[in-house]
PDB file of N, CA and C in Angstrom:
ATOM      1  N   MET A   1      48.977  96.982  66.109  1.00  0.00           N
ATOM      2  CA  MET A   1      49.642  95.719  65.882  1.00  0.00           C
ATOM      3  C   MET A   1      48.602  94.668  65.495  1.00  0.00           C
ATOM      4  N   ASP A   2      48.822  93.957  64.386  1.00  0.00           N
ATOM      5  CA  ASP A   2      47.910  92.923  63.915  1.00  0.00           C
ATOM      6  C   ASP A   2      48.078  91.643  64.726  1.00  0.00           C
ATOM      7  N   ASP A   3      47.004  90.854  64.746  1.00  0.00           N
ATOM      8  CA  ASP A   3      47.092  89.534  65.366  1.00  0.00           C
ATOM      9  C   ASP A   3      48.017  88.629  64.567  1.00  0.00           C
ATOM     10  N   ASP A   4      48.158  88.898  63.247  1.00  0.00           N
ATOM     11  CA  ASP A   4      49.029  88.092  62.407  1.00  0.00           C
ATOM     12  C   ASP A   4      50.495  88.240  62.801  1.00  0.00           C
ATOM     13  N   ASP A   5      50.837  89.381  63.384  1.00  0.00           N
ATOM     14  CA  ASP A   5      52.220  89.606  63.799  1.00  0.00           C
ATOM     15  C   ASP A   5      52.605  88.723  64.981  1.00  0.00           C
ATOM     16  N   ASP A   6      51.607  88.271  65.746  1.00  0.00           N
ATOM     17  CA  ASP A   6      51.885  87.415  66.892  1.00  0.00           C
ATOM     18  C   ASP A   6      52.217  85.986  66.473  1.00  0.00           C
ATOM     19  N   LEU A   7      51.857  85.617  65.241  1.00  0.00           N
ATOM     20  CA  LEU A   7      52.094  84.273  64.738  1.00  0.00           C
ATOM     21  C   LEU A   7      53.532  84.178  64.231  1.00  0.00           C
ATOM     22  N   ILE A   8      54.328  83.338  64.851  1.00  0.00           N
ATOM     23  CA  ILE A   8      55.717  83.152  64.441  1.00  0.00           C
ATOM     24  C   ILE A   8      55.843  81.753  63.855  1.00  0.00           C
ATOM     25  N   LEU A   9      56.209  81.679  62.588  1.00  0.00           N
ATOM     26  CA  LEU A   9      56.359  80.404  61.912  1.00  0.00           C
ATOM     27  C   LEU A   9      57.820  79.980  61.910  1.00  0.00           C
ATOM     28  N   SER A  10      58.042  78.731  62.203  1.00  0.00           N
ATOM     29  CA  SER A  10      59.396  78.189  62.175  1.00  0.00           C
ATOM     30  C   SER A  10      59.701  77.694  60.761  1.00  0.00           C
ATOM     31  N   PRO A  11      60.823  78.069  60.185  1.00  0.00           N
ATOM     32  CA  PRO A  11      61.163  77.577  58.841  1.00  0.00           C
ATOM     33  C   PRO A  11      61.381  76.057  58.835  1.00  0.00           C
ATOM     34  N   LEU A  12      61.698  75.478  59.970  1.00  0.00           N
ATOM     35  CA  LEU A  12      61.897  74.035  60.023  1.00  0.00           C
ATOM     36  C   LEU A  12      60.576  73.281  59.979  1.00  0.00           C
ATOM     37  N   ASP A  13      59.478  73.918  60.401  1.00  0.00           N
ATOM     38  CA  ASP A  13      58.170  73.280  60.378  1.00  0.00           C
ATOM     39  C   ASP A  13      57.495  73.399  59.018  1.00  0.00           C
ATOM     40  N   ALA A  14      57.924  74.335  58.204  1.00  0.00           N
ATOM     41  CA  ALA A  14      57.244  74.629  56.949  1.00  0.00           C
ATOM     42  C   ALA A  14      57.281  73.465  55.962  1.00  0.00           C
ATOM     43  N   GLY A  15      58.398  72.808  55.807  1.00  0.00           N
ATOM     44  CA  GLY A  15      58.516  71.742  54.823  1.00  0.00           C
ATOM     45  C   GLY A  15      58.779  70.398  55.445  1.00  0.00           C
ATOM     46  N   ALA A  16      58.453  70.251  56.692  1.00  0.00           N
ATOM     47  CA  ALA A  16      58.765  69.002  57.381  1.00  0.00           C
ATOM     48  C   ALA A  16      57.857  67.874  56.915  1.00  0.00           C
ATOM     49  N   ALA A  17      58.440  66.731  56.688  1.00  0.00           N
ATOM     50  CA  ALA A  17      57.687  65.537  56.321  1.00  0.00           C
ATOM     51  C   ALA A  17      58.126  64.400  57.228  1.00  0.00           C
ATOM     52  N   GLY A  18      57.214  63.543  57.535  1.00  0.00           N
ATOM     53  CA  GLY A  18      57.533  62.407  58.390  1.00  0.00           C
ATOM     54  C   GLY A  18      57.601  61.117  57.588  1.00  0.00           C
ATOM     55  N   LEU A  19      58.227  60.129  58.147  1.00  0.00           N
ATOM     56  CA  LEU A  19      58.303  58.828  57.507  1.00  0.00           C
ATOM     57  C   LEU A  19      57.095  57.987  57.901  1.00  0.00           C
ATOM     58  N   PRO A  20      56.640  57.140  56.996  1.00  0.00           N
ATOM     59  CA  PRO A  20      55.548  56.247  57.359  1.00  0.00           C
ATOM     60  C   PRO A  20      56.032  55.190  58.358  1.00  0.00           C
ATOM     61  N   PRO A  21      55.116  54.512  59.032  1.00  0.00           N
ATOM     62  CA  PRO A  21      55.516  53.463  59.979  1.00  0.00           C
ATOM     63  C   PRO A  21      56.360  52.391  59.288  1.00  0.00           C
ATOM     64  N   SER A  22      57.262  51.791  60.024  1.00  0.00           N
ATOM     65  CA  SER A  22      58.140  50.781  59.434  1.00  0.00           C
ATOM     66  C   SER A  22      58.118  49.500  60.251  1.00  0.00           C
ATOM     67  N   ARG A  23      58.647  48.452  59.634  1.00  0.00           N
ATOM     68  CA  ARG A  23      58.792  47.142  60.265  1.00  0.00           C
ATOM     69  C   ARG A  23      60.262  46.760  60.241  1.00  0.00           C
ATOM     70  N   GLY A  24      60.665  45.933  61.175  1.00  0.00           N
ATOM     71  CA  GLY A  24      62.029  45.421  61.190  1.00  0.00           C
ATOM     72  C   GLY A  24      63.022  46.421  61.735  1.00  0.00           C
ATOM     73  N   GLU A  25      64.268  45.973  61.813  1.00  0.00           N
ATOM     74  CA  GLU A  25      65.356  46.807  62.328  1.00  0.00           C
ATOM     75  C   GLU A  25      66.592  46.660  61.445  1.00  0.00           C
ATOM     76  N   GLY A  26      67.447  47.655  61.498  1.00  0.00           N
ATOM     77  CA  GLY A  26      68.731  47.596  60.802  1.00  0.00           C
ATOM     78  C   GLY A  26      68.567  47.381  59.315  1.00  0.00           C
ATOM     79  N   CYS A  27      69.292  46.390  58.780  1.00  0.00           N
ATOM     80  CA  CYS A  27      69.261  46.093  57.347  1.00  0.00           C
ATOM     81  C   CYS A  27      67.907  45.557  56.894  1.00  0.00           C
ATOM     82  N   LEU A  28      67.102  45.068  57.828  1.00  0.00           N
ATOM     83  CA  LEU A  28      65.798  44.502  57.485  1.00  0.00           C
ATOM     84  C   LEU A  28      64.663  45.504  57.626  1.00  0.00           C
ATOM     85  N   ALA A  29      64.965  46.761  57.929  1.00  0.00           N
ATOM     86  CA  ALA A  29      63.930  47.789  58.089  1.00  0.00           C
ATOM     87  C   ALA A  29      63.289  48.091  56.744  1.00  0.00           C
ATOM     88  N   ARG A  30      61.965  48.215  56.754  1.00  0.00           N
ATOM     89  CA  ARG A  30      61.210  48.533  55.544  1.00  0.00           C
ATOM     90  C   ARG A  30      59.901  49.206  55.960  1.00  0.00           C
ATOM     91  N   PHE A  31      59.275  49.918  55.023  1.00  0.00           N
ATOM     92  CA  PHE A  31      57.992  50.543  55.312  1.00  0.00           C
ATOM     93  C   PHE A  31      56.937  49.462  55.477  1.00  0.00           C
ATOM     94  N   ASP A  32      56.012  49.677  56.390  1.00  0.00           N
ATOM     95  CA  ASP A  32      54.934  48.738  56.648  1.00  0.00           C
ATOM     96  C   ASP A  32      53.912  48.854  55.520  1.00  0.00           C
ATOM     97  N   PRO A  33      53.780  47.844  54.663  1.00  0.00           N
ATOM     98  CA  PRO A  33      52.867  47.959  53.517  1.00  0.00           C
ATOM     99  C   PRO A  33      51.398  48.094  53.926  1.00  0.00           C
ATOM    100  N   ASP A  34      51.045  47.610  55.107  1.00  0.00           N
ATOM    101  CA  ASP A  34      49.661  47.732  55.570  1.00  0.00           C
ATOM    102  C   ASP A  34      49.306  49.162  55.959  1.00  0.00           C
ATOM    103  N   GLU A  35      50.299  49.984  56.223  1.00  0.00           N
ATOM    104  CA  GLU A  35      50.074  51.366  56.655  1.00  0.00           C
ATOM    105  C   GLU A  35      50.218  52.376  55.520  1.00  0.00           C
ATOM    106  N   LEU A  36      50.724  51.969  54.351  1.00  0.00           N
ATOM    107  CA  LEU A  36      50.941  52.889  53.236  1.00  0.00           C
ATOM    108  C   LEU A  36      49.635  53.195  52.517  1.00  0.00           C
ATOM    109  N   THR A  37      49.474  54.444  52.095  1.00  0.00           N
ATOM    110  CA  THR A  37      48.305  54.864  51.332  1.00  0.00           C
ATOM    111  C   THR A  37      48.764  55.597  50.078  1.00  0.00           C
ATOM    112  N   ASP A  38      47.840  55.839  49.156  1.00  0.00           N
ATOM    113  CA  ASP A  38      48.170  56.561  47.927  1.00  0.00           C
ATOM    114  C   ASP A  38      48.624  57.986  48.218  1.00  0.00           C
ATOM    115  N   GLU A  39      48.138  58.585  49.307  1.00  0.00           N
ATOM    116  CA  GLU A  39      48.502  59.950  49.643  1.00  0.00           C
ATOM    117  C   GLU A  39      49.940  60.069  50.144  1.00  0.00           C
ATOM    118  N   MET A  40      50.571  58.950  50.477  1.00  0.00           N
ATOM    119  CA  MET A  40      51.928  58.967  51.037  1.00  0.00           C
ATOM    120  C   MET A  40      53.024  59.002  49.979  1.00  0.00           C
ATOM    121  N   GLY A  41      52.693  58.825  48.722  1.00  0.00           N
ATOM    122  CA  GLY A  41      53.756  58.880  47.726  1.00  0.00           C
ATOM    123  C   GLY A  41      53.410  58.161  46.445  1.00  0.00           C
ATOM    124  N   ALA A  42      54.430  57.749  45.746  1.00  0.00           N
ATOM    125  CA  ALA A  42      54.284  57.146  44.431  1.00  0.00           C
ATOM    126  C   ALA A  42      53.703  55.736  44.524  1.00  0.00           C
ATOM    127  N   ASP A  43      52.973  55.360  43.483  1.00  0.00           N
ATOM    128  CA  ASP A  43      52.417  54.022  43.375  1.00  0.00           C
ATOM    129  C   ASP A  43      53.226  53.266  42.320  1.00  0.00           C
ATOM    130  N   PHE A  44      53.917  52.221  42.743  1.00  0.00           N
ATOM    131  CA  PHE A  44      54.737  51.437  41.829  1.00  0.00           C
ATOM    132  C   PHE A  44      54.044  50.141  41.421  1.00  0.00           C
ATOM    133  N   GLY A  45      52.744  50.015  41.699  1.00  0.00           N
ATOM    134  CA  GLY A  45      52.005  48.799  41.393  1.00  0.00           C
ATOM    135  C   GLY A  45      52.025  48.425  39.922  1.00  0.00           C
ATOM    136  N   SER A  46      51.922  49.393  39.030  1.00  0.00           N
ATOM    137  CA  SER A  46      51.899  49.086  37.607  1.00  0.00           C
ATOM    138  C   SER A  46      53.290  48.771  37.049  1.00  0.00           C
ATOM    139  N   LEU A  47      54.305  49.001  37.819  1.00  0.00           N
ATOM    140  CA  LEU A  47      55.669  48.727  37.381  1.00  0.00           C
ATOM    141  C   LEU A  47      55.875  47.245  37.104  1.00  0.00           C
ATOM    142  N   PHE A  48      55.210  46.397  37.850  1.00  0.00           N
ATOM    143  CA  PHE A  48      55.422  44.969  37.734  1.00  0.00           C
ATOM    144  C   PHE A  48      54.394  44.259  36.856  1.00  0.00           C
ATOM    145  N   GLN A  49      53.525  45.025  36.207  1.00  0.00           N
ATOM    146  CA  GLN A  49      52.549  44.432  35.308  1.00  0.00           C
ATOM    147  C   GLN A  49      53.165  44.298  33.920  1.00  0.00           C
ATOM    148  N   LEU A  50      52.980  43.142  33.310  1.00  0.00           N
ATOM    149  CA  LEU A  50      53.524  42.902  31.976  1.00  0.00           C
ATOM    150  C   LEU A  50      52.578  43.445  30.923  1.00  0.00           C
ATOM    151  N   GLU A  51      53.147  44.037  29.887  1.00  0.00           N
ATOM    152  CA  GLU A  51      52.326  44.531  28.786  1.00  0.00           C
ATOM    153  C   GLU A  51      51.935  43.363  27.900  1.00  0.00           C
ATOM    154  N   GLU A  52      50.712  43.415  27.399  1.00  0.00           N
ATOM    155  CA  GLU A  52      50.241  42.343  26.501  1.00  0.00           C
ATOM    156  C   GLU A  52      50.177  42.824  25.088  1.00  0.00           C
TER     157      GLU A  52
END
């Protein structure tokens, strides 16, 4: 018996992702901008820059 056979992986843990920290409650809940990093997702910073 291999040691690899003793390792049991949960399918629920395989693709699990967590939410970043948030501020506010209810309708005012939003992600905390001070805690967001580039590794956490898309960067929309250039969306609001005007083309010249």
